[in-house]
Structure formats: C-alpha cells, structure tokens
PDB file of N, CA and C in Angstrom:
ATOM      1  N   UNK A   1      10.059 -27.786  13.856  1.00  0.00           N
ATOM      2  CA  UNK A   1      10.739 -27.898  12.584  1.00  0.00           C
ATOM      3  C   UNK A   1       9.754 -27.830  11.415  1.00  0.00           C
ATOM      4  N   UNK A   2       8.510 -28.206  11.669  1.00  0.00           N
ATOM      5  CA  UNK A   2       7.502 -28.149  10.601  1.00  0.00           C
ATOM      6  C   UNK A   2       7.306 -26.718  10.122  1.00  0.00           C
ATOM      7  N   UNK A   3       7.395 -25.742  11.040  1.00  0.00           N
ATOM      8  CA  UNK A   3       7.255 -24.337  10.683  1.00  0.00           C
ATOM      9  C   UNK A   3       8.348 -23.881   9.728  1.00  0.00           C
ATOM     10  N   UNK A   4       9.540 -24.396   9.928  1.00  0.00           N
ATOM     11  CA  UNK A   4      10.660 -24.071   9.043  1.00  0.00           C
ATOM     12  C   UNK A   4      10.346 -24.474   7.610  1.00  0.00           C
ATOM     13  N   UNK A   5       9.901 -25.712   7.445  1.00  0.00           N
ATOM     14  CA  UNK A   5       9.602 -26.209   6.103  1.00  0.00           C
ATOM     15  C   UNK A   5       8.397 -25.503   5.488  1.00  0.00           C
ATOM     16  N   UNK A   6       7.419 -25.163   6.308  1.00  0.00           N
ATOM     17  CA  UNK A   6       6.260 -24.423   5.817  1.00  0.00           C
ATOM     18  C   UNK A   6       6.668 -23.044   5.318  1.00  0.00           C
ATOM     19  N   UNK A   7       7.473 -22.340   6.082  1.00  0.00           N
ATOM     20  CA  UNK A   7       7.904 -21.004   5.677  1.00  0.00           C
ATOM     21  C   UNK A   7       8.753 -21.079   4.407  1.00  0.00           C
ATOM     22  N   UNK A   8       9.646 -22.064   4.302  1.00  0.00           N
ATOM     23  CA  UNK A   8      10.450 -22.224   3.085  1.00  0.00           C
ATOM     24  C   UNK A   8       9.547 -22.452   1.876  1.00  0.00           C
ATOM     25  N   UNK A   9       8.507 -23.264   2.066  1.00  0.00           N
ATOM     26  CA  UNK A   9       7.568 -23.559   0.976  1.00  0.00           C
ATOM     27  C   UNK A   9       6.804 -22.299   0.566  1.00  0.00           C
ATOM     28  N   UNK A  10       6.370 -21.520   1.532  1.00  0.00           N
ATOM     29  CA  UNK A  10       5.654 -20.279   1.225  1.00  0.00           C
ATOM     30  C   UNK A  10       6.553 -19.333   0.441  1.00  0.00           C
ATOM     31  N   UNK A  11       7.795 -19.165   0.860  1.00  0.00           N
ATOM     32  CA  UNK A  11       8.733 -18.301   0.151  1.00  0.00           C
ATOM     33  C   UNK A  11       8.953 -18.781  -1.281  1.00  0.00           C
ATOM     34  N   UNK A  12       9.095 -20.086  -1.456  1.00  0.00           N
ATOM     35  CA  UNK A  12       9.263 -20.647  -2.797  1.00  0.00           C
ATOM     36  C   UNK A  12       8.019 -20.409  -3.649  1.00  0.00           C
ATOM     37  N   UNK A  13       6.842 -20.571  -3.051  1.00  0.00           N
ATOM     38  CA  UNK A  13       5.595 -20.369  -3.786  1.00  0.00           C
ATOM     39  C   UNK A  13       5.432 -18.908  -4.207  1.00  0.00           C
ATOM     40  N   UNK A  14       5.778 -17.979  -3.331  1.00  0.00           N
ATOM     41  CA  UNK A  14       5.678 -16.558  -3.672  1.00  0.00           C
ATOM     42  C   UNK A  14       6.632 -16.238  -4.820  1.00  0.00           C
ATOM     43  N   UNK A  15       7.843 -16.761  -4.750  1.00  0.00           N
ATOM     44  CA  UNK A  15       8.810 -16.531  -5.820  1.00  0.00           C
ATOM     45  C   UNK A  15       8.321 -17.135  -7.142  1.00  0.00           C
ATOM     46  N   UNK A  16       7.698 -18.295  -7.076  1.00  0.00           N
ATOM     47  CA  UNK A  16       7.142 -18.929  -8.275  1.00  0.00           C
ATOM     48  C   UNK A  16       6.025 -18.085  -8.862  1.00  0.00           C
ATOM     49  N   UNK A  17       5.114 -17.588  -8.010  1.00  0.00           N
ATOM     50  CA  UNK A  17       4.011 -16.738  -8.470  1.00  0.00           C
ATOM     51  C   UNK A  17       4.566 -15.515  -9.194  1.00  0.00           C
ATOM     52  N   UNK A  18       5.574 -14.898  -8.641  1.00  0.00           N
ATOM     53  CA  UNK A  18       6.178 -13.730  -9.280  1.00  0.00           C
ATOM     54  C   UNK A  18       6.841 -14.099 -10.605  1.00  0.00           C
ATOM     55  N   UNK A  19       7.575 -15.188 -10.608  1.00  0.00           N
ATOM     56  CA  UNK A  19       8.281 -15.614 -11.813  1.00  0.00           C
ATOM     57  C   UNK A  19       7.359 -15.996 -12.952  1.00  0.00           C
ATOM     58  N   UNK A  20       6.157 -16.454 -12.612  1.00  0.00           N
ATOM     59  CA  UNK A  20       5.195 -16.873 -13.635  1.00  0.00           C
ATOM     60  C   UNK A  20       4.247 -15.751 -14.059  1.00  0.00           C
ATOM     61  N   UNK A  21       4.269 -14.644 -13.346  1.00  0.00           N
ATOM     62  CA  UNK A  21       3.360 -13.546 -13.656  1.00  0.00           C
ATOM     63  C   UNK A  21       3.851 -12.823 -14.912  1.00  0.00           C
ATOM     64  N   UNK A  22       2.983 -12.647 -15.874  1.00  0.00           N
ATOM     65  CA  UNK A  22       3.361 -12.064 -17.157  1.00  0.00           C
ATOM     66  C   UNK A  22       3.802 -10.619 -17.120  1.00  0.00           C
ATOM     67  N   UNK A  23       3.511  -9.906 -16.039  1.00  0.00           N
ATOM     68  CA  UNK A  23       3.868  -8.488 -15.953  1.00  0.00           C
ATOM     69  C   UNK A  23       5.159  -8.245 -15.178  1.00  0.00           C
ATOM     70  N   UNK A  24       5.795  -9.319 -14.703  1.00  0.00           N
ATOM     71  CA  UNK A  24       7.043  -9.191 -13.948  1.00  0.00           C
ATOM     72  C   UNK A  24       8.224  -9.335 -14.895  1.00  0.00           C
ATOM     73  N   UNK A  25       9.194  -8.453 -14.752  1.00  0.00           N
ATOM     74  CA  UNK A  25      10.411  -8.505 -15.556  1.00  0.00           C
ATOM     75  C   UNK A  25      11.368  -9.514 -14.914  1.00  0.00           C
ATOM     76  N   UNK A  26      11.391 -10.718 -15.432  1.00  0.00           N
ATOM     77  CA  UNK A  26      12.199 -11.787 -14.833  1.00  0.00           C
ATOM     78  C   UNK A  26      13.684 -11.663 -15.172  1.00  0.00           C
ATOM     79  N   UNK A  27      14.042 -10.680 -15.990  1.00  0.00           N
ATOM     80  CA  UNK A  27      15.456 -10.419 -16.279  1.00  0.00           C
ATOM     81  C   UNK A  27      16.087  -9.539 -15.206  1.00  0.00           C
ATOM     82  N   UNK A  28      15.255  -8.961 -14.362  1.00  0.00           N
ATOM     83  CA  UNK A  28      15.733  -8.109 -13.269  1.00  0.00           C
ATOM     84  C   UNK A  28      15.804  -8.930 -11.976  1.00  0.00           C
ATOM     85  N   UNK A  29      16.321  -8.325 -10.928  1.00  0.00           N
ATOM     86  CA  UNK A  29      16.380  -8.989  -9.627  1.00  0.00           C
ATOM     87  C   UNK A  29      14.988  -9.374  -9.156  1.00  0.00           C
ATOM     88  N   UNK A  30      14.886 -10.557  -8.581  1.00  0.00           N
ATOM     89  CA  UNK A  30      13.641 -11.034  -7.987  1.00  0.00           C
ATOM     90  C   UNK A  30      14.024 -11.642  -6.641  1.00  0.00           C
ATOM     91  N   UNK A  31      13.668 -10.950  -5.576  1.00  0.00           N
ATOM     92  CA  UNK A  31      14.063 -11.369  -4.232  1.00  0.00           C
ATOM     93  C   UNK A  31      12.815 -11.563  -3.385  1.00  0.00           C
ATOM     94  N   UNK A  32      12.744 -12.698  -2.691  1.00  0.00           N
ATOM     95  CA  UNK A  32      11.671 -12.962  -1.732  1.00  0.00           C
ATOM     96  C   UNK A  32      12.329 -13.541  -0.489  1.00  0.00           C
ATOM     97  N   UNK A  33      12.220 -12.821   0.618  1.00  0.00           N
ATOM     98  CA  UNK A  33      12.833 -13.264   1.868  1.00  0.00           C
ATOM     99  C   UNK A  33      11.882 -13.057   3.031  1.00  0.00           C
ATOM    100  N   UNK A  34      12.024 -13.900   4.035  1.00  0.00           N
ATOM    101  CA  UNK A  34      11.336 -13.686   5.304  1.00  0.00           C
ATOM    102  C   UNK A  34      12.000 -12.484   5.962  1.00  0.00           C
ATOM    103  N   UNK A  35      11.200 -11.532   6.403  1.00  0.00           N
ATOM    104  CA  UNK A  35      11.755 -10.293   6.939  1.00  0.00           C
ATOM    105  C   UNK A  35      11.597 -10.190   8.454  1.00  0.00           C
ATOM    106  N   UNK A  36      10.421 -10.571   8.990  1.00  0.00           N
ATOM    107  CA  UNK A  36      10.191 -10.434  10.434  1.00  0.00           C
ATOM    108  C   UNK A  36       8.943 -11.190  10.848  1.00  0.00           C
ATOM    109  N   UNK A  37       8.897 -11.518  12.117  1.00  0.00           N
ATOM    110  CA  UNK A  37       7.688 -12.023  12.752  1.00  0.00           C
ATOM    111  C   UNK A  37       7.127 -10.884  13.597  1.00  0.00           C
ATOM    112  N   UNK A  38       5.971 -10.402  13.243  1.00  0.00           N
ATOM    113  CA  UNK A  38       5.320  -9.342  13.997  1.00  0.00           C
ATOM    114  C   UNK A  38       4.246  -9.941  14.892  1.00  0.00           C
ATOM    115  N   UNK A  39       3.586  -9.110  15.688  1.00  0.00           N
ATOM    116  CA  UNK A  39       2.576  -9.611  16.615  1.00  0.00           C
ATOM    117  C   UNK A  39       1.466 -10.388  15.916  1.00  0.00           C
ATOM    118  N   UNK A  40       1.018  -9.892  14.772  1.00  0.00           N
ATOM    119  CA  UNK A  40      -0.109 -10.511  14.085  1.00  0.00           C
ATOM    120  C   UNK A  40       0.197 -10.849  12.636  1.00  0.00           C
ATOM    121  N   UNK A  41       1.475 -10.946  12.288  1.00  0.00           N
ATOM    122  CA  UNK A  41       1.804 -11.212  10.889  1.00  0.00           C
ATOM    123  C   UNK A  41       3.190 -11.830  10.749  1.00  0.00           C
ATOM    124  N   UNK A  42       3.392 -12.378   9.588  1.00  0.00           N
ATOM    125  CA  UNK A  42       4.713 -12.800   9.149  1.00  0.00           C
ATOM    126  C   UNK A  42       5.041 -11.881   7.984  1.00  0.00           C
ATOM    127  N   UNK A  43       6.129 -11.146   8.074  1.00  0.00           N
ATOM    128  CA  UNK A  43       6.455 -10.117   7.092  1.00  0.00           C
ATOM    129  C   UNK A  43       7.489 -10.633   6.098  1.00  0.00           C
ATOM    130  N   UNK A  44       7.200 -10.414   4.818  1.00  0.00           N
ATOM    131  CA  UNK A  44       8.094 -10.809   3.745  1.00  0.00           C
ATOM    132  C   UNK A  44       8.682  -9.575   3.090  1.00  0.00           C
ATOM    133  N   UNK A  45       9.866  -9.726   2.571  1.00  0.00           N
ATOM    134  CA  UNK A  45      10.489  -8.703   1.746  1.00  0.00           C
ATOM    135  C   UNK A  45      10.400  -9.196   0.310  1.00  0.00           C
ATOM    136  N   UNK A  46       9.708  -8.433  -0.518  1.00  0.00           N
ATOM    137  CA  UNK A  46       9.551  -8.781  -1.928  1.00  0.00           C
ATOM    138  C   UNK A  46      10.124  -7.643  -2.757  1.00  0.00           C
ATOM    139  N   UNK A  47      11.065  -7.979  -3.622  1.00  0.00           N
ATOM    140  CA  UNK A  47      11.730  -6.988  -4.459  1.00  0.00           C
ATOM    141  C   UNK A  47      11.729  -7.511  -5.889  1.00  0.00           C
ATOM    142  N   UNK A  48      11.025  -6.792  -6.755  1.00  0.00           N
ATOM    143  CA  UNK A  48      10.948  -7.200  -8.156  1.00  0.00           C
ATOM    144  C   UNK A  48      10.569  -5.996  -9.002  1.00  0.00           C
ATOM    145  N   UNK A  49      10.620  -6.151 -10.292  1.00  0.00           N
ATOM    146  CA  UNK A  49      10.272  -5.089 -11.226  1.00  0.00           C
ATOM    147  C   UNK A  49       9.149  -5.539 -12.144  1.00  0.00           C
ATOM    148  N   UNK A  50       8.296  -4.604 -12.491  1.00  0.00           N
ATOM    149  CA  UNK A  50       7.273  -4.889 -13.493  1.00  0.00           C
ATOM    150  C   UNK A  50       7.800  -4.478 -14.859  1.00  0.00           C
ATOM    151  N   UNK A  51       7.125  -4.938 -15.882  1.00  0.00           N
ATOM    152  CA  UNK A  51       7.505  -4.582 -17.241  1.00  0.00           C
ATOM    153  C   UNK A  51       7.040  -3.178 -17.620  1.00  0.00           C
ATOM    154  N   UNK A  52       6.200  -2.591 -16.804  1.00  0.00           N
ATOM    155  CA  UNK A  52       5.716  -1.246 -17.070  1.00  0.00           C
ATOM    156  C   UNK A  52       6.257  -0.268 -16.040  1.00  0.00           C
ATOM    157  N   UNK A  53       6.468   0.945 -16.477  1.00  0.00           N
ATOM    158  CA  UNK A  53       6.794   2.023 -15.541  1.00  0.00           C
ATOM    159  C   UNK A  53       5.634   3.012 -15.456  1.00  0.00           C
ATOM    160  N   UNK A  54       4.537   2.670 -16.108  1.00  0.00           N
ATOM    161  CA  UNK A  54       3.339   3.501 -16.093  1.00  0.00           C
ATOM    162  C   UNK A  54       2.622   3.305 -14.760  1.00  0.00           C
ATOM    163  N   UNK A  55       2.495   4.371 -13.997  1.00  0.00           N
ATOM    164  CA  UNK A  55       1.933   4.308 -12.648  1.00  0.00           C
ATOM    165  C   UNK A  55       0.502   3.766 -12.637  1.00  0.00           C
ATOM    166  N   UNK A  56      -0.306   4.170 -13.610  1.00  0.00           N
ATOM    167  CA  UNK A  56      -1.702   3.733 -13.676  1.00  0.00           C
ATOM    168  C   UNK A  56      -1.780   2.230 -13.970  1.00  0.00           C
ATOM    169  N   UNK A  57      -0.902   1.730 -14.822  1.00  0.00           N
ATOM    170  CA  UNK A  57      -0.887   0.296 -15.137  1.00  0.00           C
ATOM    171  C   UNK A  57      -0.247  -0.523 -14.021  1.00  0.00           C
ATOM    172  N   UNK A  58       0.670   0.091 -13.288  1.00  0.00           N
ATOM    173  CA  UNK A  58       1.388  -0.619 -12.222  1.00  0.00           C
ATOM    174  C   UNK A  58       0.467  -1.075 -11.090  1.00  0.00           C
ATOM    175  N   UNK A  59      -0.450  -0.226 -10.677  1.00  0.00           N
ATOM    176  CA  UNK A  59      -1.260  -0.538  -9.491  1.00  0.00           C
ATOM    177  C   UNK A  59      -2.171  -1.752  -9.658  1.00  0.00           C
ATOM    178  N   UNK A  60      -2.828  -1.956 -10.787  1.00  0.00           N
ATOM    179  CA  UNK A  60      -3.580  -3.210 -10.943  1.00  0.00           C
ATOM    180  C   UNK A  60      -2.668  -4.451 -10.945  1.00  0.00           C
ATOM    181  N   UNK A  61      -1.460  -4.303 -11.465  1.00  0.00           N
ATOM    182  CA  UNK A  61      -0.504  -5.417 -11.443  1.00  0.00           C
ATOM    183  C   UNK A  61      -0.121  -5.721  -9.999  1.00  0.00           C
ATOM    184  N   UNK A  62       0.206  -4.690  -9.242  1.00  0.00           N
ATOM    185  CA  UNK A  62       0.564  -4.859  -7.828  1.00  0.00           C
ATOM    186  C   UNK A  62      -0.577  -5.523  -7.068  1.00  0.00           C
ATOM    187  N   UNK A  63      -1.795  -5.056  -7.292  1.00  0.00           N
ATOM    188  CA  UNK A  63      -2.962  -5.638  -6.614  1.00  0.00           C
ATOM    189  C   UNK A  63      -3.128  -7.103  -6.979  1.00  0.00           C
ATOM    190  N   UNK A  64      -2.982  -7.435  -8.242  1.00  0.00           N
ATOM    191  CA  UNK A  64      -3.117  -8.832  -8.680  1.00  0.00           C
ATOM    192  C   UNK A  64      -2.077  -9.723  -8.013  1.00  0.00           C
ATOM    193  N   UNK A  65      -0.850  -9.245  -7.944  1.00  0.00           N
ATOM    194  CA  UNK A  65       0.208 -10.017  -7.308  1.00  0.00           C
ATOM    195  C   UNK A  65      -0.071 -10.207  -5.822  1.00  0.00           C
ATOM    196  N   UNK A  66      -0.476  -9.151  -5.144  1.00  0.00           N
ATOM    197  CA  UNK A  66      -0.781  -9.271  -3.714  1.00  0.00           C
ATOM    198  C   UNK A  66      -1.933 -10.244  -3.470  1.00  0.00           C
ATOM    199  N   UNK A  67      -2.947 -10.210  -4.303  1.00  0.00           N
ATOM    200  CA  UNK A  67      -4.053 -11.152  -4.149  1.00  0.00           C
ATOM    201  C   UNK A  67      -3.616 -12.591  -4.405  1.00  0.00           C
ATOM    202  N   UNK A  68      -2.737 -12.794  -5.361  1.00  0.00           N
ATOM    203  CA  UNK A  68      -2.227 -14.147  -5.628  1.00  0.00           C
ATOM    204  C   UNK A  68      -1.388 -14.674  -4.461  1.00  0.00           C
ATOM    205  N   UNK A  69      -0.626 -13.774  -3.865  1.00  0.00           N
ATOM    206  CA  UNK A  69       0.187 -14.181  -2.706  1.00  0.00           C
ATOM    207  C   UNK A  69      -0.724 -14.494  -1.540  1.00  0.00           C
TER     208      UNK A  69
END
C-alpha cells in the first residue's frame, strides 16, 4: 500500500511542477496520469500546453520541465 501513496504523491508533485512553471499555459488542459509499469520504468502520461508555439523556444522549456520532473 505504501507504493500506492508514493505514486499518488509523485503524480501530484509532477502536476504541481507543471502548474507552477511560468511557461505552461494553465488555462489549458493539464493532465498527469500513471500510464504503465515497464520492465525498467514507471511511465507517466503528461499532457499540457506551453505559452509558446515557437519550436526553438519550446525545446528548452520541455527540457527544463523534464529535468524538474
């Protein structure tokens, strides 16, 4: 049961990180769900929008978010 609470906490923390990130459009959908248990990973589904549609600006934002997660 401890794993259940740990995973819930991780999902909440990821959602918080996204919600607090200045480049995320919090007026759009923001979804964070557990997606699968793989052989060597726990897979999450993250669905959100950035405030930019500029491809060059998007990638550093994506990298920053992934590093924070």
